[in-house]
Amino acid sequence: MVASQANWPNWWRWELDCSNPHLLKRMQDRSFNETELREMLERATSFRPDSQVGRWAVETTHSGRAWEIIVEPDTAAQLVIVVTAYAIG
């Protein structure tokens, strides 16, 4: 993942893991693919802790709409696991 955001955490630069079965199902349901997901992360504007400890909500856009991508950094593997992504609003 490329970070244009200078003050983002170190895990922001780690490789993505997009193999989560839940994510793959949501990608199909919500009509986006891994390339579009990576592009959304490139456009990310902010992040905050998610309601589930250890996860983060990343704010971005896709097709002119606001989206959130939920990620979970795996410190041991130095991977960012993408949990899900969805349009908001």
N, C-alpha and C. Protein backbone atom coordinates (compact mmCIF):
# COMPACT_ATOMS: atom_id res chain seq x y z
N MET A 1 0.86 -1.17 0.00
CA MET A 1 0.00 0.00 0.00
C MET A 1 0.90 1.23 0.00
N VAL A 2 0.64 2.16 -0.85
CA VAL A 2 1.43 3.39 -0.92
C VAL A 2 0.78 4.43 -0.02
N ALA A 3 1.59 5.11 0.74
CA ALA A 3 1.06 6.11 1.66
C ALA A 3 1.45 7.51 1.21
N SER A 4 0.48 8.28 0.82
CA SER A 4 0.76 9.68 0.53
C SER A 4 0.58 10.50 1.79
N GLN A 5 0.06 9.89 2.80
CA GLN A 5 -0.21 10.55 4.07
C GLN A 5 1.01 10.41 4.98
N ALA A 6 1.67 11.51 5.25
CA ALA A 6 2.93 11.48 5.99
C ALA A 6 2.78 11.05 7.45
N ASN A 7 1.67 11.36 8.08
CA ASN A 7 1.51 11.10 9.51
C ASN A 7 0.70 9.85 9.81
N TRP A 8 0.58 8.97 8.85
CA TRP A 8 -0.17 7.74 9.06
C TRP A 8 0.74 6.70 9.73
N PRO A 9 0.15 5.69 10.35
CA PRO A 9 0.98 4.71 11.07
C PRO A 9 1.87 3.89 10.13
N ASN A 10 2.89 3.27 10.71
CA ASN A 10 3.83 2.46 9.92
C ASN A 10 3.13 1.35 9.16
N TRP A 11 2.10 0.75 9.75
CA TRP A 11 1.43 -0.36 9.06
C TRP A 11 0.78 0.07 7.75
N TRP A 12 0.58 1.36 7.56
CA TRP A 12 -0.03 1.83 6.32
C TRP A 12 0.81 1.45 5.10
N ARG A 13 2.10 1.24 5.27
CA ARG A 13 2.99 0.91 4.17
C ARG A 13 3.14 -0.59 3.94
N TRP A 14 2.52 -1.41 4.79
CA TRP A 14 2.64 -2.86 4.65
C TRP A 14 1.82 -3.36 3.47
N GLU A 15 2.11 -4.57 3.05
CA GLU A 15 1.37 -5.23 1.97
C GLU A 15 -0.07 -5.51 2.42
N LEU A 16 -0.96 -5.53 1.44
CA LEU A 16 -2.36 -5.84 1.70
C LEU A 16 -2.63 -7.33 1.59
N ASP A 17 -3.53 -7.81 2.43
CA ASP A 17 -4.06 -9.17 2.31
C ASP A 17 -5.54 -9.02 1.99
N CYS A 18 -5.90 -9.35 0.77
CA CYS A 18 -7.30 -9.23 0.31
C CYS A 18 -7.94 -10.59 0.11
N SER A 19 -7.48 -11.61 0.86
CA SER A 19 -7.96 -12.97 0.65
C SER A 19 -9.06 -13.39 1.63
N ASN A 20 -9.46 -12.51 2.50
CA ASN A 20 -10.50 -12.79 3.48
C ASN A 20 -11.80 -13.19 2.76
N PRO A 21 -12.37 -14.37 3.04
CA PRO A 21 -13.61 -14.79 2.36
C PRO A 21 -14.75 -13.79 2.51
N HIS A 22 -14.85 -13.17 3.67
CA HIS A 22 -15.89 -12.16 3.89
C HIS A 22 -15.71 -11.00 2.91
N LEU A 23 -14.48 -10.53 2.77
CA LEU A 23 -14.18 -9.44 1.84
C LEU A 23 -14.51 -9.85 0.41
N LEU A 24 -14.09 -11.03 0.01
CA LEU A 24 -14.34 -11.48 -1.36
C LEU A 24 -15.83 -11.51 -1.68
N LYS A 25 -16.64 -11.92 -0.72
CA LYS A 25 -18.10 -11.93 -0.90
C LYS A 25 -18.62 -10.50 -1.02
N ARG A 26 -18.15 -9.60 -0.17
CA ARG A 26 -18.59 -8.21 -0.20
C ARG A 26 -18.16 -7.53 -1.50
N MET A 27 -17.00 -7.87 -2.01
CA MET A 27 -16.55 -7.30 -3.27
C MET A 27 -17.54 -7.67 -4.38
N GLN A 28 -17.97 -8.91 -4.37
CA GLN A 28 -18.94 -9.35 -5.37
C GLN A 28 -20.29 -8.66 -5.15
N ASP A 29 -20.77 -8.64 -3.90
CA ASP A 29 -22.07 -8.04 -3.58
C ASP A 29 -22.11 -6.55 -3.90
N ARG A 30 -20.98 -5.87 -3.68
CA ARG A 30 -20.95 -4.40 -3.80
C ARG A 30 -20.28 -3.93 -5.09
N SER A 31 -20.01 -4.85 -5.98
CA SER A 31 -19.52 -4.55 -7.33
C SER A 31 -18.23 -3.73 -7.37
N PHE A 32 -17.21 -4.20 -6.66
CA PHE A 32 -15.88 -3.62 -6.79
C PHE A 32 -14.87 -4.75 -6.78
N ASN A 33 -13.69 -4.47 -7.32
CA ASN A 33 -12.66 -5.51 -7.38
C ASN A 33 -11.41 -5.08 -6.61
N GLU A 34 -10.41 -5.94 -6.60
CA GLU A 34 -9.21 -5.66 -5.82
C GLU A 34 -8.48 -4.42 -6.33
N THR A 35 -8.45 -4.25 -7.63
CA THR A 35 -7.80 -3.06 -8.19
C THR A 35 -8.50 -1.79 -7.71
N GLU A 36 -9.81 -1.79 -7.75
CA GLU A 36 -10.57 -0.63 -7.27
C GLU A 36 -10.37 -0.43 -5.77
N LEU A 37 -10.29 -1.51 -5.02
CA LEU A 37 -10.03 -1.42 -3.58
C LEU A 37 -8.68 -0.76 -3.33
N ARG A 38 -7.67 -1.17 -4.05
CA ARG A 38 -6.35 -0.57 -3.88
C ARG A 38 -6.36 0.92 -4.27
N GLU A 39 -7.11 1.25 -5.32
CA GLU A 39 -7.24 2.66 -5.71
C GLU A 39 -7.96 3.46 -4.62
N MET A 40 -8.97 2.86 -3.99
CA MET A 40 -9.67 3.55 -2.90
C MET A 40 -8.69 3.83 -1.76
N LEU A 41 -7.83 2.88 -1.45
CA LEU A 41 -6.87 3.08 -0.38
C LEU A 41 -5.85 4.15 -0.75
N GLU A 42 -5.52 4.26 -2.02
CA GLU A 42 -4.62 5.32 -2.47
C GLU A 42 -5.24 6.70 -2.25
N ARG A 43 -6.56 6.78 -2.34
CA ARG A 43 -7.28 8.05 -2.17
C ARG A 43 -7.73 8.30 -0.73
N ALA A 44 -7.36 7.44 0.17
CA ALA A 44 -7.81 7.56 1.56
C ALA A 44 -7.52 8.95 2.11
N THR A 45 -8.48 9.49 2.84
CA THR A 45 -8.33 10.83 3.39
C THR A 45 -8.13 10.85 4.90
N SER A 46 -8.59 9.81 5.58
CA SER A 46 -8.42 9.76 7.03
C SER A 46 -8.67 8.33 7.52
N PHE A 47 -8.34 8.12 8.78
CA PHE A 47 -8.58 6.83 9.41
C PHE A 47 -8.87 7.08 10.88
N ARG A 48 -9.53 6.11 11.48
CA ARG A 48 -9.86 6.20 12.91
C ARG A 48 -9.98 4.78 13.46
N PRO A 49 -9.85 4.61 14.76
CA PRO A 49 -10.07 3.28 15.32
C PRO A 49 -11.50 2.83 15.04
N ASP A 50 -11.67 1.57 14.69
CA ASP A 50 -12.98 1.00 14.47
C ASP A 50 -13.58 0.61 15.83
N SER A 51 -14.84 0.26 15.84
CA SER A 51 -15.49 -0.16 17.09
C SER A 51 -14.91 -1.47 17.61
N GLN A 52 -14.35 -2.29 16.74
CA GLN A 52 -13.70 -3.53 17.16
C GLN A 52 -12.22 -3.25 17.37
N VAL A 53 -11.73 -3.54 18.56
CA VAL A 53 -10.34 -3.27 18.93
C VAL A 53 -9.39 -3.94 17.94
N GLY A 54 -8.39 -3.19 17.51
CA GLY A 54 -7.38 -3.71 16.59
C GLY A 54 -7.70 -3.46 15.13
N ARG A 55 -8.89 -2.94 14.88
CA ARG A 55 -9.28 -2.64 13.50
C ARG A 55 -9.39 -1.13 13.32
N TRP A 56 -9.26 -0.71 12.06
CA TRP A 56 -9.30 0.70 11.71
C TRP A 56 -10.28 0.93 10.57
N ALA A 57 -10.98 2.04 10.62
CA ALA A 57 -11.88 2.46 9.54
C ALA A 57 -11.15 3.51 8.72
N VAL A 58 -10.98 3.25 7.44
CA VAL A 58 -10.29 4.15 6.53
C VAL A 58 -11.34 4.81 5.64
N GLU A 59 -11.35 6.13 5.61
CA GLU A 59 -12.32 6.87 4.81
C GLU A 59 -11.76 7.18 3.44
N THR A 60 -12.58 6.97 2.41
CA THR A 60 -12.16 7.16 1.04
C THR A 60 -13.37 7.45 0.17
N THR A 61 -13.16 7.40 -1.15
CA THR A 61 -14.27 7.55 -2.09
C THR A 61 -14.16 6.48 -3.17
N HIS A 62 -15.30 6.20 -3.78
CA HIS A 62 -15.37 5.27 -4.92
C HIS A 62 -16.60 5.62 -5.73
N SER A 63 -16.43 5.82 -7.01
CA SER A 63 -17.54 6.15 -7.92
C SER A 63 -18.34 7.35 -7.43
N GLY A 64 -17.63 8.35 -6.91
CA GLY A 64 -18.27 9.58 -6.48
C GLY A 64 -19.01 9.51 -5.16
N ARG A 65 -18.82 8.41 -4.43
CA ARG A 65 -19.49 8.24 -3.12
C ARG A 65 -18.46 8.04 -2.02
N ALA A 66 -18.86 8.37 -0.80
CA ALA A 66 -18.01 8.12 0.37
C ALA A 66 -18.05 6.63 0.72
N TRP A 67 -16.89 6.08 1.04
CA TRP A 67 -16.76 4.68 1.43
C TRP A 67 -15.90 4.58 2.69
N GLU A 68 -16.06 3.47 3.40
CA GLU A 68 -15.16 3.10 4.48
C GLU A 68 -14.61 1.71 4.18
N ILE A 69 -13.35 1.57 4.49
CA ILE A 69 -12.68 0.27 4.37
C ILE A 69 -12.20 -0.09 5.77
N ILE A 70 -12.58 -1.27 6.23
CA ILE A 70 -12.16 -1.73 7.55
C ILE A 70 -10.93 -2.61 7.37
N VAL A 71 -9.86 -2.25 8.06
CA VAL A 71 -8.61 -3.00 7.97
C VAL A 71 -8.15 -3.43 9.36
N GLU A 72 -7.36 -4.50 9.38
CA GLU A 72 -6.81 -5.01 10.63
C GLU A 72 -5.32 -5.30 10.41
N PRO A 73 -4.45 -4.45 10.93
CA PRO A 73 -3.02 -4.70 10.78
C PRO A 73 -2.60 -5.95 11.55
N ASP A 74 -1.84 -6.81 10.90
CA ASP A 74 -1.29 -8.02 11.52
C ASP A 74 0.19 -7.75 11.75
N THR A 75 0.53 -7.39 12.98
CA THR A 75 1.89 -6.98 13.31
C THR A 75 2.89 -8.11 13.09
N ALA A 76 2.54 -9.32 13.47
CA ALA A 76 3.47 -10.45 13.33
C ALA A 76 3.84 -10.70 11.87
N ALA A 77 2.86 -10.63 10.99
CA ALA A 77 3.09 -10.89 9.57
C ALA A 77 3.41 -9.62 8.78
N GLN A 78 3.25 -8.48 9.41
CA GLN A 78 3.39 -7.17 8.77
C GLN A 78 2.54 -7.10 7.50
N LEU A 79 1.27 -7.42 7.68
CA LEU A 79 0.26 -7.35 6.62
C LEU A 79 -0.90 -6.51 7.10
N VAL A 80 -1.57 -5.88 6.18
CA VAL A 80 -2.83 -5.19 6.49
C VAL A 80 -3.93 -6.05 5.89
N ILE A 81 -4.73 -6.65 6.76
CA ILE A 81 -5.83 -7.51 6.32
C ILE A 81 -7.04 -6.62 6.08
N VAL A 82 -7.56 -6.67 4.87
CA VAL A 82 -8.76 -5.91 4.56
C VAL A 82 -9.95 -6.78 4.96
N VAL A 83 -10.77 -6.25 5.87
CA VAL A 83 -11.90 -7.00 6.41
C VAL A 83 -13.13 -6.81 5.54
N THR A 84 -13.45 -5.56 5.22
CA THR A 84 -14.62 -5.26 4.41
C THR A 84 -14.53 -3.82 3.88
N ALA A 85 -15.41 -3.49 2.96
CA ALA A 85 -15.50 -2.12 2.45
C ALA A 85 -16.95 -1.88 2.07
N TYR A 86 -17.42 -0.66 2.31
CA TYR A 86 -18.83 -0.36 2.05
C TYR A 86 -19.02 1.13 1.84
N ALA A 87 -20.04 1.45 1.04
CA ALA A 87 -20.43 2.85 0.83
C ALA A 87 -21.11 3.36 2.10
N ILE A 88 -20.90 4.63 2.41
CA ILE A 88 -21.56 5.23 3.57
C ILE A 88 -22.43 6.40 3.08
N GLY A 89 -23.42 6.69 3.88
CA GLY A 89 -24.28 7.82 3.57
C GLY A 89 -25.38 7.54 2.60
